[in-house]
PDB file of N, CA and C in Angstrom:
ATOM      1  N   MET A   1     -54.276 127.324 -25.242  1.00  0.00           N
ATOM      2  CA  MET A   1     -55.016 127.069 -24.018  1.00  0.00           C
ATOM      3  C   MET A   1     -56.425 126.612 -24.371  1.00  0.00           C
ATOM      4  N   ALA A   2     -56.880 125.575 -23.716  1.00  0.00           N
ATOM      5  CA  ALA A   2     -58.202 125.013 -23.993  1.00  0.00           C
ATOM      6  C   ALA A   2     -59.305 125.943 -23.489  1.00  0.00           C
ATOM      7  N   ILE A   3     -60.433 125.833 -24.120  1.00  0.00           N
ATOM      8  CA  ILE A   3     -61.592 126.624 -23.714  1.00  0.00           C
ATOM      9  C   ILE A   3     -62.150 126.039 -22.417  1.00  0.00           C
ATOM     10  N   ASP A   4     -62.451 126.896 -21.478  1.00  0.00           N
ATOM     11  CA  ASP A   4     -62.988 126.498 -20.181  1.00  0.00           C
ATOM     12  C   ASP A   4     -64.489 126.235 -20.324  1.00  0.00           C
ATOM     13  N   ALA A   5     -64.844 124.974 -20.562  1.00  0.00           N
ATOM     14  CA  ALA A   5     -66.237 124.602 -20.795  1.00  0.00           C
ATOM     15  C   ALA A   5     -67.114 124.911 -19.587  1.00  0.00           C
ATOM     16  N   ILE A   6     -66.569 124.773 -18.395  1.00  0.00           N
ATOM     17  CA  ILE A   6     -67.349 125.058 -17.186  1.00  0.00           C
ATOM     18  C   ILE A   6     -67.715 126.538 -17.134  1.00  0.00           C
ATOM     19  N   LYS A   7     -66.777 127.396 -17.493  1.00  0.00           N
ATOM     20  CA  LYS A   7     -67.053 128.831 -17.504  1.00  0.00           C
ATOM     21  C   LYS A   7     -68.069 129.177 -18.594  1.00  0.00           C
ATOM     22  N   VAL A   8     -67.954 128.529 -19.758  1.00  0.00           N
ATOM     23  CA  VAL A   8     -68.923 128.760 -20.843  1.00  0.00           C
ATOM     24  C   VAL A   8     -70.329 128.396 -20.366  1.00  0.00           C
ATOM     25  N   VAL A   9     -70.469 127.248 -19.717  1.00  0.00           N
ATOM     26  CA  VAL A   9     -71.781 126.814 -19.214  1.00  0.00           C
ATOM     27  C   VAL A   9     -72.309 127.806 -18.180  1.00  0.00           C
ATOM     28  N   ALA A  10     -71.447 128.303 -17.303  1.00  0.00           N
ATOM     29  CA  ALA A  10     -71.873 129.275 -16.293  1.00  0.00           C
ATOM     30  C   ALA A  10     -72.367 130.567 -16.949  1.00  0.00           C
ATOM     31  N   ILE A  11     -71.686 131.008 -17.995  1.00  0.00           N
ATOM     32  CA  ILE A  11     -72.106 132.217 -18.712  1.00  0.00           C
ATOM     33  C   ILE A  11     -73.453 131.984 -19.394  1.00  0.00           C
ATOM     34  N   ILE A  12     -73.611 130.821 -19.991  1.00  0.00           N
ATOM     35  CA  ILE A  12     -74.882 130.498 -20.654  1.00  0.00           C
ATOM     36  C   ILE A  12     -76.014 130.433 -19.624  1.00  0.00           C
ATOM     37  N   GLU A  13     -75.748 129.880 -18.453  1.00  0.00           N
ATOM     38  CA  GLU A  13     -76.773 129.835 -17.406  1.00  0.00           C
ATOM     39  C   GLU A  13     -77.157 131.255 -16.979  1.00  0.00           C
ATOM     40  N   LYS A  14     -76.168 132.126 -16.887  1.00  0.00           N
ATOM     41  CA  LYS A  14     -76.454 133.525 -16.559  1.00  0.00           C
ATOM     42  C   LYS A  14     -77.298 134.159 -17.662  1.00  0.00           C
ATOM     43  N   ARG A  15     -76.978 133.840 -18.906  1.00  0.00           N
ATOM     44  CA  ARG A  15     -77.738 134.358 -20.058  1.00  0.00           C
ATOM     45  C   ARG A  15     -79.180 133.887 -20.001  1.00  0.00           C
ATOM     46  N   LYS A  16     -79.380 132.619 -19.675  1.00  0.00           N
ATOM     47  CA  LYS A  16     -80.743 132.070 -19.596  1.00  0.00           C
ATOM     48  C   LYS A  16     -81.589 132.803 -18.565  1.00  0.00           C
ATOM     49  N   GLY A  17     -80.954 133.254 -17.496  1.00  0.00           N
ATOM     50  CA  GLY A  17     -81.676 133.930 -16.434  1.00  0.00           C
ATOM     51  C   GLY A  17     -81.819 135.429 -16.622  1.00  0.00           C
ATOM     52  N   THR A  18     -81.360 135.937 -17.748  1.00  0.00           N
ATOM     53  CA  THR A  18     -81.409 137.376 -18.004  1.00  0.00           C
ATOM     54  C   THR A  18     -82.616 137.710 -18.884  1.00  0.00           C
ATOM     55  N   HIS A  19     -83.410 138.646 -18.438  1.00  0.00           N
ATOM     56  CA  HIS A  19     -84.598 139.055 -19.188  1.00  0.00           C
ATOM     57  C   HIS A  19     -84.175 139.649 -20.532  1.00  0.00           C
ATOM     58  N   PRO A  20     -84.873 139.303 -21.609  1.00  0.00           N
ATOM     59  CA  PRO A  20     -84.517 139.787 -22.947  1.00  0.00           C
ATOM     60  C   PRO A  20     -84.517 141.301 -23.111  1.00  0.00           C
ATOM     61  N   GLU A  21     -85.239 141.996 -22.243  1.00  0.00           N
ATOM     62  CA  GLU A  21     -85.280 143.459 -22.350  1.00  0.00           C
ATOM     63  C   GLU A  21     -84.076 144.141 -21.712  1.00  0.00           C
ATOM     64  N   TYR A  22     -83.268 143.394 -20.965  1.00  0.00           N
ATOM     65  CA  TYR A  22     -82.079 143.961 -20.330  1.00  0.00           C
ATOM     66  C   TYR A  22     -80.919 143.907 -21.314  1.00  0.00           C
ATOM     67  N   THR A  23     -80.995 144.761 -22.320  1.00  0.00           N
ATOM     68  CA  THR A  23     -80.027 144.688 -23.410  1.00  0.00           C
ATOM     69  C   THR A  23     -78.595 144.957 -22.968  1.00  0.00           C
ATOM     70  N   ALA A  24     -78.383 145.861 -22.025  1.00  0.00           N
ATOM     71  CA  ALA A  24     -77.024 146.133 -21.552  1.00  0.00           C
ATOM     72  C   ALA A  24     -76.434 144.895 -20.884  1.00  0.00           C
ATOM     73  N   ALA A  25     -77.253 144.217 -20.072  1.00  0.00           N
ATOM     74  CA  ALA A  25     -76.786 142.990 -19.414  1.00  0.00           C
ATOM     75  C   ALA A  25     -76.507 141.906 -20.445  1.00  0.00           C
ATOM     76  N   LEU A  26     -77.370 141.788 -21.439  1.00  0.00           N
ATOM     77  CA  LEU A  26     -77.156 140.795 -22.491  1.00  0.00           C
ATOM     78  C   LEU A  26     -75.875 141.089 -23.272  1.00  0.00           C
ATOM     79  N   ASP A  27     -75.643 142.343 -23.564  1.00  0.00           N
ATOM     80  CA  ASP A  27     -74.407 142.717 -24.261  1.00  0.00           C
ATOM     81  C   ASP A  27     -73.186 142.332 -23.442  1.00  0.00           C
ATOM     82  N   ASP A  28     -73.238 142.557 -22.136  1.00  0.00           N
ATOM     83  CA  ASP A  28     -72.125 142.187 -21.257  1.00  0.00           C
ATOM     84  C   ASP A  28     -71.907 140.680 -21.231  1.00  0.00           C
ATOM     85  N   ILE A  29     -72.995 139.940 -21.147  1.00  0.00           N
ATOM     86  CA  ILE A  29     -72.902 138.475 -21.121  1.00  0.00           C
ATOM     87  C   ILE A  29     -72.337 137.948 -22.432  1.00  0.00           C
ATOM     88  N   ARG A  30     -72.802 138.497 -23.538  1.00  0.00           N
ATOM     89  CA  ARG A  30     -72.284 138.057 -24.845  1.00  0.00           C
ATOM     90  C   ARG A  30     -70.803 138.392 -24.980  1.00  0.00           C
ATOM     91  N   ALA A  31     -70.390 139.531 -24.469  1.00  0.00           N
ATOM     92  CA  ALA A  31     -68.975 139.904 -24.501  1.00  0.00           C
ATOM     93  C   ALA A  31     -68.149 138.935 -23.651  1.00  0.00           C
ATOM     94  N   MET A  32     -68.686 138.534 -22.496  1.00  0.00           N
ATOM     95  CA  MET A  32     -67.992 137.554 -21.648  1.00  0.00           C
ATOM     96  C   MET A  32     -67.855 136.216 -22.374  1.00  0.00           C
ATOM     97  N   LEU A  33     -68.915 135.799 -23.061  1.00  0.00           N
ATOM     98  CA  LEU A  33     -68.868 134.533 -23.791  1.00  0.00           C
ATOM     99  C   LEU A  33     -67.836 134.591 -24.899  1.00  0.00           C
ATOM    100  N   LEU A  34     -67.838 135.665 -25.655  1.00  0.00           N
ATOM    101  CA  LEU A  34     -66.864 135.837 -26.732  1.00  0.00           C
ATOM    102  C   LEU A  34     -65.439 135.810 -26.181  1.00  0.00           C
ATOM    103  N   ASP A  35     -65.225 136.493 -25.078  1.00  0.00           N
ATOM    104  CA  ASP A  35     -63.907 136.530 -24.449  1.00  0.00           C
ATOM    105  C   ASP A  35     -63.501 135.154 -23.925  1.00  0.00           C
ATOM    106  N   THR A  36     -64.434 134.446 -23.316  1.00  0.00           N
ATOM    107  CA  THR A  36     -64.145 133.128 -22.739  1.00  0.00           C
ATOM    108  C   THR A  36     -63.800 132.109 -23.816  1.00  0.00           C
ATOM    109  N   LEU A  37     -64.378 132.250 -24.995  1.00  0.00           N
ATOM    110  CA  LEU A  37     -64.041 131.321 -26.077  1.00  0.00           C
ATOM    111  C   LEU A  37     -62.599 131.504 -26.555  1.00  0.00           C
ATOM    112  N   GLY A  38     -62.027 132.653 -26.294  1.00  0.00           N
ATOM    113  CA  GLY A  38     -60.607 132.848 -26.561  1.00  0.00           C
ATOM    114  C   GLY A  38     -60.290 133.393 -27.937  1.00  0.00           C
ATOM    115  N   ASP A  39     -59.016 133.242 -28.287  1.00  0.00           N
ATOM    116  CA  ASP A  39     -58.483 133.839 -29.511  1.00  0.00           C
ATOM    117  C   ASP A  39     -57.945 132.826 -30.511  1.00  0.00           C
ATOM    118  N   VAL A  40     -58.233 131.561 -30.293  1.00  0.00           N
ATOM    119  CA  VAL A  40     -57.730 130.525 -31.196  1.00  0.00           C
ATOM    120  C   VAL A  40     -58.904 129.978 -32.011  1.00  0.00           C
ATOM    121  N   GLU A  41     -58.930 130.377 -33.255  1.00  0.00           N
ATOM    122  CA  GLU A  41     -60.044 130.029 -34.143  1.00  0.00           C
ATOM    123  C   GLU A  41     -60.299 128.523 -34.185  1.00  0.00           C
ATOM    124  N   ASP A  42     -59.261 127.732 -34.336  1.00  0.00           N
ATOM    125  CA  ASP A  42     -59.435 126.271 -34.413  1.00  0.00           C
ATOM    126  C   ASP A  42     -60.078 125.713 -33.147  1.00  0.00           C
ATOM    127  N   ASP A  43     -59.660 126.217 -31.980  1.00  0.00           N
ATOM    128  CA  ASP A  43     -60.234 125.753 -30.714  1.00  0.00           C
ATOM    129  C   ASP A  43     -61.714 126.093 -30.618  1.00  0.00           C
ATOM    130  N   ILE A  44     -62.070 127.290 -31.050  1.00  0.00           N
ATOM    131  CA  ILE A  44     -63.476 127.721 -30.989  1.00  0.00           C
ATOM    132  C   ILE A  44     -64.328 126.862 -31.908  1.00  0.00           C
ATOM    133  N   ILE A  45     -63.864 126.657 -33.120  1.00  0.00           N
ATOM    134  CA  ILE A  45     -64.629 125.854 -34.074  1.00  0.00           C
ATOM    135  C   ILE A  45     -64.815 124.436 -33.544  1.00  0.00           C
ATOM    136  N   GLU A  46     -63.756 123.843 -33.039  1.00  0.00           N
ATOM    137  CA  GLU A  46     -63.853 122.478 -32.500  1.00  0.00           C
ATOM    138  C   GLU A  46     -64.787 122.439 -31.288  1.00  0.00           C
ATOM    139  N   PHE A  47     -64.652 123.412 -30.399  1.00  0.00           N
ATOM    140  CA  PHE A  47     -65.497 123.454 -29.207  1.00  0.00           C
ATOM    141  C   PHE A  47     -66.970 123.555 -29.578  1.00  0.00           C
ATOM    142  N   VAL A  48     -67.305 124.463 -30.455  1.00  0.00           N
ATOM    143  CA  VAL A  48     -68.714 124.660 -30.817  1.00  0.00           C
ATOM    144  C   VAL A  48     -69.256 123.458 -31.579  1.00  0.00           C
ATOM    145  N   ARG A  49     -68.476 122.903 -32.479  1.00  0.00           N
ATOM    146  CA  ARG A  49     -68.935 121.712 -33.221  1.00  0.00           C
ATOM    147  C   ARG A  49     -69.262 120.561 -32.279  1.00  0.00           C
ATOM    148  N   ASN A  50     -68.482 120.420 -31.213  1.00  0.00           N
ATOM    149  CA  ASN A  50     -68.649 119.300 -30.295  1.00  0.00           C
ATOM    150  C   ASN A  50     -69.561 119.620 -29.114  1.00  0.00           C
ATOM    151  N   ALA A  51     -70.034 120.836 -29.032  1.00  0.00           N
ATOM    152  CA  ALA A  51     -70.893 121.253 -27.918  1.00  0.00           C
ATOM    153  C   ALA A  51     -72.295 120.694 -28.083  1.00  0.00           C
ATOM    154  N   ASP A  52     -73.032 120.691 -26.975  1.00  0.00           N
ATOM    155  CA  ASP A  52     -74.424 120.272 -27.054  1.00  0.00           C
ATOM    156  C   ASP A  52     -75.246 121.349 -27.775  1.00  0.00           C
ATOM    157  N   LYS A  53     -76.439 120.984 -28.167  1.00  0.00           N
ATOM    158  CA  LYS A  53     -77.300 121.874 -28.948  1.00  0.00           C
ATOM    159  C   LYS A  53     -77.589 123.180 -28.208  1.00  0.00           C
ATOM    160  N   ASP A  54     -77.799 123.093 -26.911  1.00  0.00           N
ATOM    161  CA  ASP A  54     -78.092 124.285 -26.112  1.00  0.00           C
ATOM    162  C   ASP A  54     -76.930 125.280 -26.198  1.00  0.00           C
ATOM    163  N   THR A  55     -75.721 124.803 -26.013  1.00  0.00           N
ATOM    164  CA  THR A  55     -74.540 125.669 -26.102  1.00  0.00           C
ATOM    165  C   THR A  55     -74.407 126.247 -27.504  1.00  0.00           C
ATOM    166  N   GLN A  56     -74.604 125.418 -28.505  1.00  0.00           N
ATOM    167  CA  GLN A  56     -74.527 125.897 -29.892  1.00  0.00           C
ATOM    168  C   GLN A  56     -75.553 126.999 -30.145  1.00  0.00           C
ATOM    169  N   ASP A  57     -76.742 126.835 -29.601  1.00  0.00           N
ATOM    170  CA  ASP A  57     -77.782 127.848 -29.785  1.00  0.00           C
ATOM    171  C   ASP A  57     -77.383 129.189 -29.172  1.00  0.00           C
ATOM    172  N   TYR A  58     -76.804 129.149 -27.983  1.00  0.00           N
ATOM    173  CA  TYR A  58     -76.399 130.406 -27.350  1.00  0.00           C
ATOM    174  C   TYR A  58     -75.177 131.020 -28.014  1.00  0.00           C
ATOM    175  N   VAL A  59     -74.305 130.189 -28.544  1.00  0.00           N
ATOM    176  CA  VAL A  59     -73.154 130.727 -29.286  1.00  0.00           C
ATOM    177  C   VAL A  59     -73.633 131.448 -30.542  1.00  0.00           C
ATOM    178  N   SER A  60     -74.775 131.051 -31.066  1.00  0.00           N
ATOM    179  CA  SER A  60     -75.301 131.729 -32.256  1.00  0.00           C
ATOM    180  C   SER A  60     -75.523 133.216 -31.990  1.00  0.00           C
ATOM    181  N   GLU A  61     -75.751 133.577 -30.724  1.00  0.00           N
ATOM    182  CA  GLU A  61     -75.965 134.985 -30.379  1.00  0.00           C
ATOM    183  C   GLU A  61     -74.698 135.828 -30.552  1.00  0.00           C
ATOM    184  N   ILE A  62     -73.550 135.160 -30.621  1.00  0.00           N
ATOM    185  CA  ILE A  62     -72.299 135.900 -30.803  1.00  0.00           C
ATOM    186  C   ILE A  62     -71.638 135.558 -32.138  1.00  0.00           C
ATOM    187  N   ALA A  63     -72.401 134.970 -33.051  1.00  0.00           N
ATOM    188  CA  ALA A  63     -71.833 134.579 -34.350  1.00  0.00           C
ATOM    189  C   ALA A  63     -71.219 135.770 -35.075  1.00  0.00           C
ATOM    190  N   GLU A  64     -71.906 136.875 -35.076  1.00  0.00           N
ATOM    191  CA  GLU A  64     -71.375 138.062 -35.751  1.00  0.00           C
ATOM    192  C   GLU A  64     -70.080 138.532 -35.075  1.00  0.00           C
ATOM    193  N   GLY A  65     -70.036 138.452 -33.750  1.00  0.00           N
ATOM    194  CA  GLY A  65     -68.824 138.817 -33.021  1.00  0.00           C
ATOM    195  C   GLY A  65     -67.671 137.904 -33.353  1.00  0.00           C
ATOM    196  N   LEU A  66     -67.951 136.610 -33.506  1.00  0.00           N
ATOM    197  CA  LEU A  66     -66.899 135.666 -33.908  1.00  0.00           C
ATOM    198  C   LEU A  66     -66.392 135.994 -35.306  1.00  0.00           C
ATOM    199  N   TYR A  67     -67.328 136.301 -36.194  1.00  0.00           N
ATOM    200  CA  TYR A  67     -66.908 136.644 -37.555  1.00  0.00           C
ATOM    201  C   TYR A  67     -66.067 137.916 -37.552  1.00  0.00           C
ATOM    202  N   ASP A  68     -66.498 138.914 -36.817  1.00  0.00           N
ATOM    203  CA  ASP A  68     -65.737 140.167 -36.745  1.00  0.00           C
ATOM    204  C   ASP A  68     -64.357 139.952 -36.128  1.00  0.00           C
ATOM    205  N   LYS A  69     -64.290 139.083 -35.137  1.00  0.00           N
ATOM    206  CA  LYS A  69     -63.036 138.826 -34.434  1.00  0.00           C
ATOM    207  C   LYS A  69     -62.008 138.160 -35.339  1.00  0.00           C
ATOM    208  N   PHE A  70     -62.460 137.242 -36.194  1.00  0.00           N
ATOM    209  CA  PHE A  70     -61.528 136.484 -37.029  1.00  0.00           C
ATOM    210  C   PHE A  70     -61.555 136.915 -38.489  1.00  0.00           C
ATOM    211  N   ALA A  71     -62.727 137.184 -39.023  1.00  0.00           N
ATOM    212  CA  ALA A  71     -62.889 137.628 -40.417  1.00  0.00           C
ATOM    213  C   ALA A  71     -62.074 136.795 -41.391  1.00  0.00           C
ATOM    214  N   THR A  72     -62.184 135.477 -41.244  1.00  0.00           N
ATOM    215  CA  THR A  72     -61.464 134.569 -42.137  1.00  0.00           C
ATOM    216  C   THR A  72     -62.470 133.747 -42.942  1.00  0.00           C
ATOM    217  N   PRO A  73     -62.067 133.255 -44.089  1.00  0.00           N
ATOM    218  CA  PRO A  73     -62.961 132.380 -44.851  1.00  0.00           C
ATOM    219  C   PRO A  73     -63.359 131.135 -44.058  1.00  0.00           C
ATOM    220  N   ARG A  74     -62.448 130.629 -43.240  1.00  0.00           N
ATOM    221  CA  ARG A  74     -62.747 129.429 -42.449  1.00  0.00           C
ATOM    222  C   ARG A  74     -63.863 129.708 -41.446  1.00  0.00           C
ATOM    223  N   MET A  75     -63.786 130.830 -40.736  1.00  0.00           N
ATOM    224  CA  MET A  75     -64.829 131.165 -39.761  1.00  0.00           C
ATOM    225  C   MET A  75     -66.147 131.440 -40.480  1.00  0.00           C
ATOM    226  N   ASP A  76     -66.092 132.115 -41.603  1.00  0.00           N
ATOM    227  CA  ASP A  76     -67.295 132.386 -42.385  1.00  0.00           C
ATOM    228  C   ASP A  76     -67.969 131.077 -42.789  1.00  0.00           C
ATOM    229  N   LYS A  77     -67.179 130.131 -43.274  1.00  0.00           N
ATOM    230  CA  LYS A  77     -67.716 128.827 -43.689  1.00  0.00           C
ATOM    231  C   LYS A  77     -68.310 128.082 -42.500  1.00  0.00           C
ATOM    232  N   PHE A  78     -67.587 128.074 -41.397  1.00  0.00           N
ATOM    233  CA  PHE A  78     -68.055 127.390 -40.193  1.00  0.00           C
ATOM    234  C   PHE A  78     -69.384 127.973 -39.712  1.00  0.00           C
ATOM    235  N   LEU A  79     -69.458 129.284 -39.610  1.00  0.00           N
ATOM    236  CA  LEU A  79     -70.690 129.921 -39.142  1.00  0.00           C
ATOM    237  C   LEU A  79     -71.842 129.667 -40.108  1.00  0.00           C
ATOM    238  N   GLY A  80     -71.554 129.655 -41.394  1.00  0.00           N
ATOM    239  CA  GLY A  80     -72.584 129.347 -42.385  1.00  0.00           C
ATOM    240  C   GLY A  80     -73.099 127.928 -42.265  1.00  0.00           C
ATOM    241  N   GLU A  81     -72.215 126.997 -41.888  1.00  0.00           N
ATOM    242  CA  GLU A  81     -72.621 125.604 -41.697  1.00  0.00           C
ATOM    243  C   GLU A  81     -73.396 125.416 -40.397  1.00  0.00           C
ATOM    244  N   MET A  82     -72.956 126.081 -39.332  1.00  0.00           N
ATOM    245  CA  MET A  82     -73.588 125.921 -38.024  1.00  0.00           C
ATOM    246  C   MET A  82     -74.931 126.644 -37.934  1.00  0.00           C
ATOM    247  N   TYR A  83     -75.011 127.811 -38.531  1.00  0.00           N
ATOM    248  CA  TYR A  83     -76.188 128.671 -38.381  1.00  0.00           C
ATOM    249  C   TYR A  83     -76.647 129.175 -39.753  1.00  0.00           C
ATOM    250  N   PRO A  84     -77.010 128.265 -40.667  1.00  0.00           N
ATOM    251  CA  PRO A  84     -77.289 128.686 -42.047  1.00  0.00           C
ATOM    252  C   PRO A  84     -78.391 129.733 -42.191  1.00  0.00           C
ATOM    253  N   ALA A  85     -79.510 129.572 -41.512  1.00  0.00           N
ATOM    254  CA  ALA A  85     -80.606 130.539 -41.661  1.00  0.00           C
ATOM    255  C   ALA A  85     -80.188 131.897 -41.124  1.00  0.00           C
ATOM    256  N   TYR A  86     -79.583 131.913 -39.955  1.00  0.00           N
ATOM    257  CA  TYR A  86     -79.140 133.178 -39.358  1.00  0.00           C
ATOM    258  C   TYR A  86     -78.064 133.823 -40.219  1.00  0.00           C
ATOM    259  N   TRP A  87     -77.135 133.034 -40.655  1.00  0.00           N
ATOM    260  CA  TRP A  87     -75.988 133.593 -41.383  1.00  0.00           C
ATOM    261  C   TRP A  87     -76.430 134.200 -42.709  1.00  0.00           C
ATOM    262  N   VAL A  88     -77.346 133.548 -43.394  1.00  0.00           N
ATOM    263  CA  VAL A  88     -77.862 134.092 -44.653  1.00  0.00           C
ATOM    264  C   VAL A  88     -78.607 135.392 -44.382  1.00  0.00           C
ATOM    265  N   ASP A  89     -79.433 135.407 -43.328  1.00  0.00           N
ATOM    266  CA  ASP A  89     -80.161 136.638 -42.972  1.00  0.00           C
ATOM    267  C   ASP A  89     -79.206 137.768 -42.622  1.00  0.00           C
ATOM    268  N   MET A  90     -78.183 137.463 -41.826  1.00  0.00           N
ATOM    269  CA  MET A  90     -77.267 138.490 -41.384  1.00  0.00           C
ATOM    270  C   MET A  90     -76.494 139.092 -42.562  1.00  0.00           C
ATOM    271  N   LEU A  91     -76.152 138.259 -43.518  1.00  0.00           N
ATOM    272  CA  LEU A  91     -75.418 138.730 -44.677  1.00  0.00           C
ATOM    273  C   LEU A  91     -76.315 139.413 -45.701  1.00  0.00           C
ATOM    274  N   GLY A  92     -77.636 139.318 -45.489  1.00  0.00           N
ATOM    275  CA  GLY A  92     -78.568 140.008 -46.372  1.00  0.00           C
ATOM    276  C   GLY A  92     -78.753 139.328 -47.711  1.00  0.00           C
ATOM    277  N   ILE A  93     -78.554 138.021 -47.743  1.00  0.00           N
ATOM    278  CA  ILE A  93     -78.661 137.292 -49.007  1.00  0.00           C
ATOM    279  C   ILE A  93     -80.090 136.847 -49.259  1.00  0.00           C
ATOM    280  N   ARG A  94     -80.806 136.500 -48.197  1.00  0.00           N
ATOM    281  CA  ARG A  94     -82.160 135.997 -48.330  1.00  0.00           C
ATOM    282  C   ARG A  94     -83.112 137.143 -48.634  1.00  0.00           C
ATOM    283  N   ASP A  95     -84.148 136.852 -49.422  1.00  0.00           N
ATOM    284  CA  ASP A  95     -85.169 137.856 -49.743  1.00  0.00           C
ATOM    285  C   ASP A  95     -85.958 138.253 -48.532  1.00  0.00           C
TER     286      ASP A  95
END
């Protein structure tokens, strides 16, 4: 099943309007985004690669969730390519 791009955009718009201090709301929104992207690794990778920069930036907020969900070398490589600075920091490789 294809990823519902309209729903992804709606979730991102909701995220944009959420104050950064509302961590519970942000956690819920990130969970919705992760769920909306689905369970097919190839579809997610293709969707994010072809998404606009704004969407890619917001998907970076769930990069760790994507890695945990799939835990595959392919997802690890993809996330490292899409979000190199974040991914290196998250893995604790950078000084």
